Amino acid sequence: MNAADLLEIMCAAHLGNMVEGPFQDRGGVMLVGPPGVLKTTFVNVIDQQYHDAISLSDVNVKALIQLRDQISSGKINTLVLPELAKIYERNDSTAKNVEGTLRALVSEGFQAASFEDSRINRLTARAMVIAALTPPTVDAHFTGWEESGFNRRFLWCLIRLADPLALEKAAVSWQRINFRMAHVPLVPLGSTIPNKTTQRERQRCAALVKYQPGGDHAVQLQVLIRILAVLRWWYAESGQPRNAMDTIERFAPALGRTGVSLELPSGPDEVDEAMDAQIQMAAHNAASLLSRKRWAKNGKPKRKRRKK
């Protein structure tokens, strides 16, 4: 799987709340991998690309309460946590309280903290949570997450680099790895994204989340189906002759027992042909449109009279 595919998956997960459907659970995505596999880079793409996402380097219940109104009103739809382990670097009961609030946000919704007056009417806040963490963090908290239902509300994606020395090579060459994405899914102009997935595809998605933790895979399946729906809608909108299910299949090993290997661009001079073709086509269309506008404004050009 290449890095661009994973970035598309992450962007599609963020837009999943706009997919038409009867379910209110938002769910989330956990990107699991050892240090140095660019997990933080991948999750922070969401914060960089979308106005309704916010990255939180650290989080507590007080901070989530301050964001509650913006979340419930739809101004914030995704919380990005570059390092989930940070919430556990405090008193155990405090960390459990934060974990419980995140668990509520992605599923049944969060209305009030335990120290707030429950008699006051409040809007329910729901948000997608996308976070990065390492395998030791999973090992340390897995049993508790299983018992609390935290596990079953997230897609757990296990990644590693196909070239473990990729970052060292970039440092030696003194050039950053260039993640060139030809197509970043954009926020739709309408309020919703149609779900044009088929029953056969949804059944296939159910098979892909078989090895996910939590026992009950309903929320995880909803998240994956929404990702598929967003990719299908975006490929059609941007005129890409691509099959969204193929992208899901390339991503599928990340949901399994052994994870997926990520292929990074080999260097800054690597050419993304899809992007170049898109840029050339956009330039051609813009030139054609400008020419038509000038013709419509000035009319048919007049012929010059010949001098006798």
C-alpha atoms as a PDB file:
ATOM      1  CA  MET A   1       0.000   0.000   0.000  1.00  0.00           C
ATOM      2  CA  ASN A   2       1.368   3.420  -0.855  1.00  0.00           C
ATOM      3  CA  ALA A   3       1.240   6.458   1.406  1.00  0.00           C
ATOM      4  CA  ALA A   4      -1.213   8.336  -0.841  1.00  0.00           C
ATOM      5  CA  ASP A   5      -3.797   5.565  -0.399  1.00  0.00           C
ATOM      6  CA  LEU A   6      -3.540   5.815   3.383  1.00  0.00           C
ATOM      7  CA  LEU A   7      -3.890   9.600   3.259  1.00  0.00           C
ATOM      8  CA  GLU A   8      -7.027   9.223   1.142  1.00  0.00           C
ATOM      9  CA  ILE A   9      -8.435   6.756   3.660  1.00  0.00           C
ATOM     10  CA  MET A  10      -7.797   9.174   6.528  1.00  0.00           C
ATOM     11  CA  CYS A  11      -9.439  12.064   4.662  1.00  0.00           C
ATOM     12  CA  ALA A  12     -12.428   9.894   3.739  1.00  0.00           C
ATOM     13  CA  ALA A  13     -12.825   8.877   7.387  1.00  0.00           C
ATOM     14  CA  HIS A  14     -13.061  12.548   8.359  1.00  0.00           C
ATOM     15  CA  LEU A  15     -15.787  13.180   5.749  1.00  0.00           C
ATOM     16  CA  GLY A  16     -17.673  10.029   6.772  1.00  0.00           C
ATOM     17  CA  ASN A  17     -20.118  11.955   8.972  1.00  0.00           C
ATOM     18  CA  MET A  18     -21.607  13.470   5.796  1.00  0.00           C
ATOM     19  CA  VAL A  19     -22.564  10.095   4.283  1.00  0.00           C
ATOM     20  CA  GLU A  20     -26.317   9.530   4.184  1.00  0.00           C
ATOM     21  CA  GLY A  21     -27.520   6.831   6.552  1.00  0.00           C
ATOM     22  CA  PRO A  22     -29.596   5.982   9.626  1.00  0.00           C
ATOM     23  CA  PHE A  23     -26.698   5.619  12.094  1.00  0.00           C
ATOM     24  CA  GLN A  24     -25.470   8.371  14.441  1.00  0.00           C
ATOM     25  CA  ASP A  25     -22.303   6.691  15.714  1.00  0.00           C
ATOM     26  CA  ARG A  26     -19.211   8.500  14.443  1.00  0.00           C
ATOM     27  CA  GLY A  27     -16.533   5.983  15.436  1.00  0.00           C
ATOM     28  CA  GLY A  28     -12.888   6.710  14.871  1.00  0.00           C
ATOM     29  CA  VAL A  29      -9.566   5.551  13.462  1.00  0.00           C
ATOM     30  CA  MET A  30      -6.534   4.502  15.484  1.00  0.00           C
ATOM     31  CA  LEU A  31      -3.248   4.453  13.582  1.00  0.00           C
ATOM     32  CA  VAL A  32      -0.940   1.999  15.325  1.00  0.00           C
ATOM     33  CA  GLY A  33       2.732   1.592  14.504  1.00  0.00           C
ATOM     34  CA  PRO A  34       6.222   1.659  15.987  1.00  0.00           C
ATOM     35  CA  PRO A  35       8.050   4.980  16.410  1.00  0.00           C
ATOM     36  CA  GLY A  36       9.333   6.532  13.204  1.00  0.00           C
ATOM     37  CA  VAL A  37       6.634   5.377  10.762  1.00  0.00           C
ATOM     38  CA  LEU A  38       5.175   8.890  10.298  1.00  0.00           C
ATOM     39  CA  LYS A  39       1.925   8.205  12.194  1.00  0.00           C
ATOM     40  CA  THR A  40       1.741  11.793  13.441  1.00  0.00           C
ATOM     41  CA  THR A  41       2.299  13.092   9.902  1.00  0.00           C
ATOM     42  CA  PHE A  42      -0.576  11.012   8.553  1.00  0.00           C
ATOM     43  CA  VAL A  43      -3.121  11.997  11.217  1.00  0.00           C
ATOM     44  CA  ASN A  44      -2.169  15.685  11.143  1.00  0.00           C
ATOM     45  CA  VAL A  45      -3.049  15.816   7.434  1.00  0.00           C
ATOM     46  CA  ILE A  46      -6.673  15.999   8.590  1.00  0.00           C
ATOM     47  CA  ASP A  47      -6.020  19.106  10.676  1.00  0.00           C
ATOM     48  CA  GLN A  48      -4.078  20.715   7.815  1.00  0.00           C
ATOM     49  CA  GLN A  49      -6.636  20.013   5.084  1.00  0.00           C
ATOM     50  CA  TYR A  50     -10.032  20.570   6.761  1.00  0.00           C
ATOM     51  CA  HIS A  51     -11.412  23.566   8.627  1.00  0.00           C
ATOM     52  CA  ASP A  52     -13.736  21.435  10.793  1.00  0.00           C
ATOM     53  CA  ALA A  53     -10.950  19.333  12.337  1.00  0.00           C
ATOM     54  CA  ILE A  54      -8.739  20.265  15.247  1.00  0.00           C
ATOM     55  CA  SER A  55      -5.483  18.733  16.457  1.00  0.00           C
ATOM     56  CA  LEU A  56      -5.042  18.353  20.232  1.00  0.00           C
ATOM     57  CA  SER A  57      -1.501  17.665  21.425  1.00  0.00           C
ATOM     58  CA  ASP A  58      -2.960  16.967  24.866  1.00  0.00           C
ATOM     59  CA  VAL A  59      -6.537  16.721  26.065  1.00  0.00           C
ATOM     60  CA  ASN A  60      -8.500  16.609  29.300  1.00  0.00           C
ATOM     61  CA  VAL A  61     -12.182  16.709  30.189  1.00  0.00           C
ATOM     62  CA  LYS A  62     -12.125  20.478  30.784  1.00  0.00           C
ATOM     63  CA  ALA A  63     -10.762  21.060  27.263  1.00  0.00           C
ATOM     64  CA  LEU A  64     -13.407  18.773  25.764  1.00  0.00           C
ATOM     65  CA  ILE A  65     -16.161  20.643  27.625  1.00  0.00           C
ATOM     66  CA  GLN A  66     -14.864  23.924  26.180  1.00  0.00           C
ATOM     67  CA  LEU A  67     -15.097  22.375  22.681  1.00  0.00           C
ATOM     68  CA  ARG A  68     -18.510  20.780  23.287  1.00  0.00           C
ATOM     69  CA  ASP A  69     -20.625  23.594  21.824  1.00  0.00           C
ATOM     70  CA  GLN A  70     -18.492  23.787  18.659  1.00  0.00           C
ATOM     71  CA  ILE A  71     -18.696  20.014  18.281  1.00  0.00           C
ATOM     72  CA  SER A  72     -22.456  19.828  18.828  1.00  0.00           C
ATOM     73  CA  SER A  73     -23.046  22.666  16.338  1.00  0.00           C
ATOM     74  CA  GLY A  74     -20.951  20.945  13.650  1.00  0.00           C
ATOM     75  CA  LYS A  75     -18.154  23.509  13.574  1.00  0.00           C
ATOM     76  CA  ILE A  76     -15.780  20.759  14.696  1.00  0.00           C
ATOM     77  CA  ASN A  77     -16.356  17.258  13.343  1.00  0.00           C
ATOM     78  CA  THR A  78     -13.033  15.525  14.002  1.00  0.00           C
ATOM     79  CA  LEU A  79     -10.610  15.517  16.915  1.00  0.00           C
ATOM     80  CA  VAL A  80      -7.042  14.611  15.957  1.00  0.00           C
ATOM     81  CA  LEU A  81      -4.799  13.215  18.706  1.00  0.00           C
ATOM     82  CA  PRO A  82      -1.194  12.932  17.435  1.00  0.00           C
ATOM     83  CA  GLU A  83      -0.228  10.846  20.495  1.00  0.00           C
ATOM     84  CA  LEU A  84      -3.009   9.041  22.354  1.00  0.00           C
ATOM     85  CA  ALA A  85      -0.610   7.874  25.070  1.00  0.00           C
ATOM     86  CA  LYS A  86      -0.417  11.488  26.296  1.00  0.00           C
ATOM     87  CA  ILE A  87      -3.817  11.238  28.025  1.00  0.00           C
ATOM     88  CA  TYR A  88      -2.485   8.407  30.208  1.00  0.00           C
ATOM     89  CA  GLU A  89       0.479  10.437  31.483  1.00  0.00           C
ATOM     90  CA  ARG A  90      -1.525  11.657  34.457  1.00  0.00           C
ATOM     91  CA  ASN A  91      -3.518  10.306  37.386  1.00  0.00           C
ATOM     92  CA  ASP A  92      -5.195   7.010  36.463  1.00  0.00           C
ATOM     93  CA  SER A  93      -8.725   8.123  37.393  1.00  0.00           C
ATOM     94  CA  THR A  94      -8.303  11.353  35.391  1.00  0.00           C
ATOM     95  CA  ALA A  95      -7.081   9.407  32.356  1.00  0.00           C
ATOM     96  CA  LYS A  96     -10.042   7.024  32.623  1.00  0.00           C
ATOM     97  CA  ASN A  97     -12.394  10.020  32.696  1.00  0.00           C
ATOM     98  CA  VAL A  98     -10.878  11.417  29.485  1.00  0.00           C
ATOM     99  CA  GLU A  99     -11.049   7.979  27.873  1.00  0.00           C
ATOM    100  CA  GLY A 100     -14.735   7.686  28.827  1.00  0.00           C
ATOM    101  CA  THR A 101     -15.503  11.100  27.338  1.00  0.00           C
ATOM    102  CA  LEU A 102     -13.822  10.159  24.044  1.00  0.00           C
ATOM    103  CA  ARG A 103     -15.736   6.873  24.082  1.00  0.00           C
ATOM    104  CA  ALA A 104     -19.013   8.780  24.419  1.00  0.00           C
ATOM    105  CA  LEU A 105     -18.110  11.356  21.744  1.00  0.00           C
ATOM    106  CA  VAL A 106     -17.653   8.729  19.023  1.00  0.00           C
ATOM    107  CA  SER A 107     -20.799   6.763  19.814  1.00  0.00           C
ATOM    108  CA  GLU A 108     -23.781   7.620  22.042  1.00  0.00           C
ATOM    109  CA  GLY A 109     -22.734  11.256  22.350  1.00  0.00           C
ATOM    110  CA  PHE A 110     -21.442  13.511  25.125  1.00  0.00           C
ATOM    111  CA  GLN A 111     -23.741  15.934  26.951  1.00  0.00           C
ATOM    112  CA  ALA A 112     -22.355  16.699  30.387  1.00  0.00           C
ATOM    113  CA  ALA A 113     -19.434  15.848  32.625  1.00  0.00           C
ATOM    114  CA  SER A 114     -19.980  14.243  36.003  1.00  0.00           C
ATOM    115  CA  PHE A 115     -19.388  17.538  37.847  1.00  0.00           C
ATOM    116  CA  GLU A 116     -21.918  19.492  35.720  1.00  0.00           C
ATOM    117  CA  ASP A 117     -25.606  19.924  36.570  1.00  0.00           C
ATOM    118  CA  SER A 118     -27.448  17.181  34.638  1.00  0.00           C
ATOM    119  CA  ARG A 119     -30.769  19.069  34.886  1.00  0.00           C
ATOM    120  CA  ILE A 120     -29.616  21.601  32.312  1.00  0.00           C
ATOM    121  CA  ASN A 121     -30.644  20.814  28.734  1.00  0.00           C
ATOM    122  CA  ARG A 122     -27.645  20.529  26.420  1.00  0.00           C
ATOM    123  CA  LEU A 123     -27.031  19.560  22.807  1.00  0.00           C
ATOM    124  CA  THR A 124     -25.416  16.169  22.267  1.00  0.00           C
ATOM    125  CA  ALA A 125     -21.858  16.369  20.960  1.00  0.00           C
ATOM    126  CA  ARG A 126     -20.564  13.685  18.583  1.00  0.00           C
ATOM    127  CA  ALA A 127     -17.240  13.675  16.761  1.00  0.00           C
ATOM    128  CA  MET A 128     -14.876  11.428  14.870  1.00  0.00           C
ATOM    129  CA  VAL A 129     -11.629  10.766  16.749  1.00  0.00           C
ATOM    130  CA  ILE A 130      -8.453  10.020  14.780  1.00  0.00           C
ATOM    131  CA  ALA A 131      -5.379   9.206  16.835  1.00  0.00           C
ATOM    132  CA  ALA A 132      -1.870   7.770  16.602  1.00  0.00           C
ATOM    133  CA  LEU A 133      -0.278   5.408  19.102  1.00  0.00           C
ATOM    134  CA  THR A 134       2.390   2.745  19.455  1.00  0.00           C
ATOM    135  CA  PRO A 135       1.960  -1.025  20.017  1.00  0.00           C
ATOM    136  CA  PRO A 136       3.217  -0.803  23.657  1.00  0.00           C
ATOM    137  CA  THR A 137       0.348   1.619  24.408  1.00  0.00           C
ATOM    138  CA  VAL A 138      -2.110  -0.890  22.953  1.00  0.00           C
ATOM    139  CA  ASP A 139      -0.570  -3.717  25.004  1.00  0.00           C
ATOM    140  CA  ALA A 140      -0.796  -1.685  28.218  1.00  0.00           C
ATOM    141  CA  HIS A 141      -4.472  -0.751  27.863  1.00  0.00           C
ATOM    142  CA  PHE A 142      -5.984  -3.463  25.648  1.00  0.00           C
ATOM    143  CA  THR A 143      -7.746  -5.406  28.431  1.00  0.00           C
ATOM    144  CA  GLY A 144      -9.331  -2.277  29.865  1.00  0.00           C
ATOM    145  CA  TRP A 145     -10.394  -1.103  26.423  1.00  0.00           C
ATOM    146  CA  GLU A 146     -12.051  -4.457  25.758  1.00  0.00           C
ATOM    147  CA  GLU A 147     -14.006  -4.319  29.022  1.00  0.00           C
ATOM    148  CA  SER A 148     -15.134  -0.701  28.574  1.00  0.00           C
ATOM    149  CA  GLY A 149     -16.122  -1.007  24.900  1.00  0.00           C
ATOM    150  CA  PHE A 150     -13.462   1.487  23.807  1.00  0.00           C
ATOM    151  CA  ASN A 151     -11.933  -1.004  21.345  1.00  0.00           C
ATOM    152  CA  ARG A 152     -15.099  -1.709  19.370  1.00  0.00           C
ATOM    153  CA  ARG A 153     -15.698   1.942  18.507  1.00  0.00           C
ATOM    154  CA  PHE A 154     -12.537   2.416  16.456  1.00  0.00           C
ATOM    155  CA  LEU A 155     -10.886   1.000  13.364  1.00  0.00           C
ATOM    156  CA  TRP A 156      -7.436  -0.164  14.483  1.00  0.00           C
ATOM    157  CA  CYS A 157      -4.945   0.145  11.615  1.00  0.00           C
ATOM    158  CA  LEU A 158      -1.528  -1.435  12.013  1.00  0.00           C
ATOM    159  CA  ILE A 159       1.169   0.048   9.763  1.00  0.00           C
ATOM    160  CA  ARG A 160       4.913  -0.236   9.211  1.00  0.00           C
ATOM    161  CA  LEU A 161       7.315   1.136   6.610  1.00  0.00           C
ATOM    162  CA  ALA A 162       8.306  -1.111   3.730  1.00  0.00           C
ATOM    163  CA  ASP A 163      11.735   0.531   3.946  1.00  0.00           C
ATOM    164  CA  PRO A 164      12.650   0.851   7.644  1.00  0.00           C
ATOM    165  CA  LEU A 165      15.560   3.149   6.735  1.00  0.00           C
ATOM    166  CA  ALA A 166      13.463   5.602   4.701  1.00  0.00           C
ATOM    167  CA  LEU A 167      13.707   8.403   7.275  1.00  0.00           C
ATOM    168  CA  GLU A 168      17.456   7.928   7.727  1.00  0.00           C
ATOM    169  CA  LYS A 169      17.957   8.071   3.964  1.00  0.00           C
ATOM    170  CA  ALA A 170      15.961  11.314   3.850  1.00  0.00           C
ATOM    171  CA  ALA A 171      18.180  12.765   6.587  1.00  0.00           C
ATOM    172  CA  VAL A 172      21.348  11.720   4.755  1.00  0.00           C
ATOM    173  CA  SER A 173      20.129  13.361   1.538  1.00  0.00           C
ATOM    174  CA  TRP A 174      18.954  16.359   3.622  1.00  0.00           C
ATOM    175  CA  GLN A 175      15.578  16.413   1.891  1.00  0.00           C
ATOM    176  CA  ARG A 176      12.140  15.789   3.315  1.00  0.00           C
ATOM    177  CA  ILE A 177      10.033  12.961   1.926  1.00  0.00           C
ATOM    178  CA  ASN A 178       7.500  14.526  -0.419  1.00  0.00           C
ATOM    179  CA  PHE A 179       3.966  13.145   0.027  1.00  0.00           C
ATOM    180  CA  ARG A 180       2.332  14.106  -3.243  1.00  0.00           C
ATOM    181  CA  MET A 181      -1.422  13.586  -3.216  1.00  0.00           C
ATOM    182  CA  ALA A 182      -3.066  14.128  -6.556  1.00  0.00           C
ATOM    183  CA  HIS A 183      -6.565  14.063  -5.111  1.00  0.00           C
ATOM    184  CA  VAL A 184      -7.507  15.250  -1.628  1.00  0.00           C
ATOM    185  CA  PRO A 185     -11.230  14.649  -0.996  1.00  0.00           C
ATOM    186  CA  LEU A 186     -12.915  18.007  -0.562  1.00  0.00           C
ATOM    187  CA  VAL A 187     -15.866  18.976   1.597  1.00  0.00           C
ATOM    188  CA  PRO A 188     -18.969  18.594  -0.626  1.00  0.00           C
ATOM    189  CA  LEU A 189     -20.958  21.672  -1.622  1.00  0.00           C
ATOM    190  CA  GLY A 190     -24.153  19.913  -0.499  1.00  0.00           C
ATOM    191  CA  SER A 191     -24.905  18.820   3.041  1.00  0.00           C
ATOM    192  CA  THR A 192     -24.579  15.081   2.447  1.00  0.00           C
ATOM    193  CA  ILE A 193     -22.651  12.471   0.484  1.00  0.00           C
ATOM    194  CA  PRO A 194     -24.731   9.710  -1.143  1.00  0.00           C
ATOM    195  CA  ASN A 195     -24.032   6.148  -0.067  1.00  0.00           C
ATOM    196  CA  LYS A 196     -23.730   4.260  -3.354  1.00  0.00           C
ATOM    197  CA  THR A 197     -22.136   1.156  -1.895  1.00  0.00           C
ATOM    198  CA  THR A 198     -23.707  -2.192  -2.798  1.00  0.00           C
ATOM    199  CA  GLN A 199     -24.782  -4.940  -0.431  1.00  0.00           C
ATOM    200  CA  ARG A 200     -22.050  -7.202  -1.790  1.00  0.00           C
ATOM    201  CA  GLU A 201     -19.445  -4.524  -1.020  1.00  0.00           C
ATOM    202  CA  ARG A 202     -20.824  -4.010   2.487  1.00  0.00           C
ATOM    203  CA  GLN A 203     -20.649  -7.751   3.073  1.00  0.00           C
ATOM    204  CA  ARG A 204     -17.028  -7.682   1.927  1.00  0.00           C
ATOM    205  CA  CYS A 205     -16.337  -4.821   4.365  1.00  0.00           C
ATOM    206  CA  ALA A 206     -17.838  -6.942   7.151  1.00  0.00           C
ATOM    207  CA  ALA A 207     -15.295  -9.658   6.328  1.00  0.00           C
ATOM    208  CA  LEU A 208     -12.448  -7.124   6.394  1.00  0.00           C
ATOM    209  CA  VAL A 209     -13.161  -6.076  10.010  1.00  0.00           C
ATOM    210  CA  LYS A 210     -13.272  -9.704  11.186  1.00  0.00           C
ATOM    211  CA  TYR A 211      -9.971  -9.456  13.078  1.00  0.00           C
ATOM    212  CA  GLN A 212     -10.674  -6.082  14.663  1.00  0.00           C
ATOM    213  CA  PRO A 213     -10.769  -6.033  18.492  1.00  0.00           C
ATOM    214  CA  GLY A 214     -13.931  -5.469  20.506  1.00  0.00           C
ATOM    215  CA  GLY A 215     -16.030  -8.494  19.598  1.00  0.00           C
ATOM    216  CA  ASP A 216     -18.927  -6.461  18.175  1.00  0.00           C
ATOM    217  CA  HIS A 217     -17.799  -4.881  14.877  1.00  0.00           C
ATOM    218  CA  ALA A 218     -20.920  -2.819  14.090  1.00  0.00           C
ATOM    219  CA  VAL A 219     -19.366   0.645  14.595  1.00  0.00           C
ATOM    220  CA  GLN A 220     -16.123  -0.381  12.898  1.00  0.00           C
ATOM    221  CA  LEU A 221     -18.105  -1.657   9.912  1.00  0.00           C
ATOM    222  CA  GLN A 222     -20.038   1.604   9.703  1.00  0.00           C
ATOM    223  CA  VAL A 223     -16.786   3.581   9.634  1.00  0.00           C
ATOM    224  CA  LEU A 224     -15.337   1.425   6.840  1.00  0.00           C
ATOM    225  CA  ILE A 225     -18.534   1.594   4.748  1.00  0.00           C
ATOM    226  CA  ARG A 226     -18.600   5.378   5.084  1.00  0.00           C
ATOM    227  CA  ILE A 227     -14.970   5.552   3.944  1.00  0.00           C
ATOM    228  CA  LEU A 228     -15.903   3.487   0.884  1.00  0.00           C
ATOM    229  CA  ALA A 229     -18.906   5.732   0.166  1.00  0.00           C
ATOM    230  CA  VAL A 230     -16.786   8.900   0.392  1.00  0.00           C
ATOM    231  CA  LEU A 231     -14.114   7.490  -1.928  1.00  0.00           C
ATOM    232  CA  ARG A 232     -16.738   6.401  -4.473  1.00  0.00           C
ATOM    233  CA  TRP A 233     -18.367   9.841  -4.397  1.00  0.00           C
ATOM    234  CA  TRP A 234     -15.022  11.648  -4.625  1.00  0.00           C
ATOM    235  CA  TYR A 235     -13.669   9.596  -7.523  1.00  0.00           C
ATOM    236  CA  ALA A 236     -16.843  10.361  -9.487  1.00  0.00           C
ATOM    237  CA  GLU A 237     -16.776  14.063  -8.577  1.00  0.00           C
ATOM    238  CA  SER A 238     -13.136  14.494  -9.569  1.00  0.00           C
ATOM    239  CA  GLY A 239     -13.450  12.412 -12.752  1.00  0.00           C
ATOM    240  CA  GLN A 240     -11.003   9.717 -11.668  1.00  0.00           C
ATOM    241  CA  PRO A 241     -11.411   6.343 -13.407  1.00  0.00           C
ATOM    242  CA  ARG A 242     -10.659   4.485 -10.176  1.00  0.00           C
ATOM    243  CA  ASN A 243     -12.509   1.828  -8.219  1.00  0.00           C
ATOM    244  CA  ALA A 244     -13.062   2.811  -4.597  1.00  0.00           C
ATOM    245  CA  MET A 245     -13.277  -0.830  -3.549  1.00  0.00           C
ATOM    246  CA  ASP A 246      -9.757  -1.407  -4.912  1.00  0.00           C
ATOM    247  CA  THR A 247      -8.450   1.272  -2.547  1.00  0.00           C
ATOM    248  CA  ILE A 248     -10.256  -0.401   0.355  1.00  0.00           C
ATOM    249  CA  GLU A 249      -8.738  -3.770  -0.585  1.00  0.00           C
ATOM    250  CA  ARG A 250      -5.229  -2.282  -0.569  1.00  0.00           C
ATOM    251  CA  PHE A 251      -5.964  -0.804   2.849  1.00  0.00           C
ATOM    252  CA  ALA A 252      -7.508  -4.040   4.193  1.00  0.00           C
ATOM    253  CA  PRO A 253      -4.274  -5.683   5.447  1.00  0.00           C
ATOM    254  CA  ALA A 254      -3.928  -2.811   7.936  1.00  0.00           C
ATOM    255  CA  LEU A 255      -7.076  -4.131   9.631  1.00  0.00           C
ATOM    256  CA  GLY A 256      -5.717  -7.669   9.887  1.00  0.00           C
ATOM    257  CA  ARG A 257      -3.365  -9.463  12.251  1.00  0.00           C
ATOM    258  CA  THR A 258      -0.046  -8.588  10.594  1.00  0.00           C
ATOM    259  CA  GLY A 259      -0.616  -5.007   9.398  1.00  0.00           C
ATOM    260  CA  VAL A 260       0.350  -3.379   6.121  1.00  0.00           C
ATOM    261  CA  SER A 261       3.658  -2.129   4.691  1.00  0.00           C
ATOM    262  CA  LEU A 262       3.667   1.462   3.473  1.00  0.00           C
ATOM    263  CA  GLU A 263       5.564   2.415   0.336  1.00  0.00           C
ATOM    264  CA  LEU A 264       6.900   5.950   0.606  1.00  0.00           C
ATOM    265  CA  PRO A 265       7.944   8.128  -2.359  1.00  0.00           C
ATOM    266  CA  SER A 266      11.522   7.255  -3.245  1.00  0.00           C
ATOM    267  CA  GLY A 267      12.655  10.858  -3.443  1.00  0.00           C
ATOM    268  CA  PRO A 268      11.669  14.474  -4.042  1.00  0.00           C
ATOM    269  CA  ASP A 269      12.079  14.094  -7.808  1.00  0.00           C
ATOM    270  CA  GLU A 270       9.648  11.216  -8.118  1.00  0.00           C
ATOM    271  CA  VAL A 271       6.918  12.171 -10.571  1.00  0.00           C
ATOM    272  CA  ASP A 272       3.295  11.517  -9.775  1.00  0.00           C
ATOM    273  CA  GLU A 273       1.848  11.037 -13.256  1.00  0.00           C
ATOM    274  CA  ALA A 274      -1.733  11.245 -12.035  1.00  0.00           C
ATOM    275  CA  MET A 275      -1.093  14.638 -10.470  1.00  0.00           C
ATOM    276  CA  ASP A 276       0.742  15.956 -13.528  1.00  0.00           C
ATOM    277  CA  ALA A 277      -2.069  14.835 -15.819  1.00  0.00           C
ATOM    278  CA  GLN A 278      -4.609  16.498 -13.562  1.00  0.00           C
ATOM    279  CA  ILE A 279      -2.671  19.769 -13.515  1.00  0.00           C
ATOM    280  CA  GLN A 280      -2.292  19.756 -17.311  1.00  0.00           C
ATOM    281  CA  MET A 281      -5.979  19.019 -17.799  1.00  0.00           C
ATOM    282  CA  ALA A 282      -6.981  21.798 -15.384  1.00  0.00           C
ATOM    283  CA  ALA A 283      -4.729  24.268 -17.220  1.00  0.00           C
ATOM    284  CA  HIS A 284      -6.197  23.230 -20.585  1.00  0.00           C
ATOM    285  CA  ASN A 285      -9.781  23.587 -19.285  1.00  0.00           C
ATOM    286  CA  ALA A 286      -9.023  26.998 -17.775  1.00  0.00           C
ATOM    287  CA  ALA A 287      -7.515  28.221 -21.048  1.00  0.00           C
ATOM    288  CA  SER A 288     -10.506  26.952 -23.030  1.00  0.00           C
ATOM    289  CA  LEU A 289     -12.958  28.595 -20.624  1.00  0.00           C
ATOM    290  CA  LEU A 290     -11.105  31.912 -20.786  1.00  0.00           C
ATOM    291  CA  SER A 291     -11.107  31.788 -24.581  1.00  0.00           C
ATOM    292  CA  ARG A 292     -14.868  31.150 -24.696  1.00  0.00           C
ATOM    293  CA  LYS A 293     -15.536  34.035 -22.300  1.00  0.00           C
ATOM    294  CA  ARG A 294     -13.497  36.449 -24.433  1.00  0.00           C
ATOM    295  CA  TRP A 295     -15.291  35.294 -27.569  1.00  0.00           C
ATOM    296  CA  ALA A 296     -18.717  35.782 -25.962  1.00  0.00           C
ATOM    297  CA  LYS A 297     -17.748  39.237 -24.701  1.00  0.00           C
ATOM    298  CA  ASN A 298     -16.225  40.631 -27.879  1.00  0.00           C
ATOM    299  CA  GLY A 299     -18.242  38.744 -30.446  1.00  0.00           C
ATOM    300  CA  LYS A 300     -16.891  37.581 -33.765  1.00  0.00           C
ATOM    301  CA  PRO A 301     -13.695  39.487 -34.579  1.00  0.00           C
ATOM    302  CA  LYS A 302     -14.041  42.070 -37.377  1.00  0.00           C
ATOM    303  CA  ARG A 303     -12.129  41.608 -40.592  1.00  0.00           C
ATOM    304  CA  LYS A 304      -9.628  44.282 -41.445  1.00  0.00           C
ATOM    305  CA  ARG A 305     -10.296  46.200 -44.685  1.00  0.00           C
ATOM    306  CA  ARG A 306      -7.716  45.842 -47.354  1.00  0.00           C
ATOM    307  CA  LYS A 307      -6.039  49.065 -48.439  1.00  0.00           C
ATOM    308  CA  LYS A 308      -6.515  49.873 -52.084  1.00  0.00           C
END
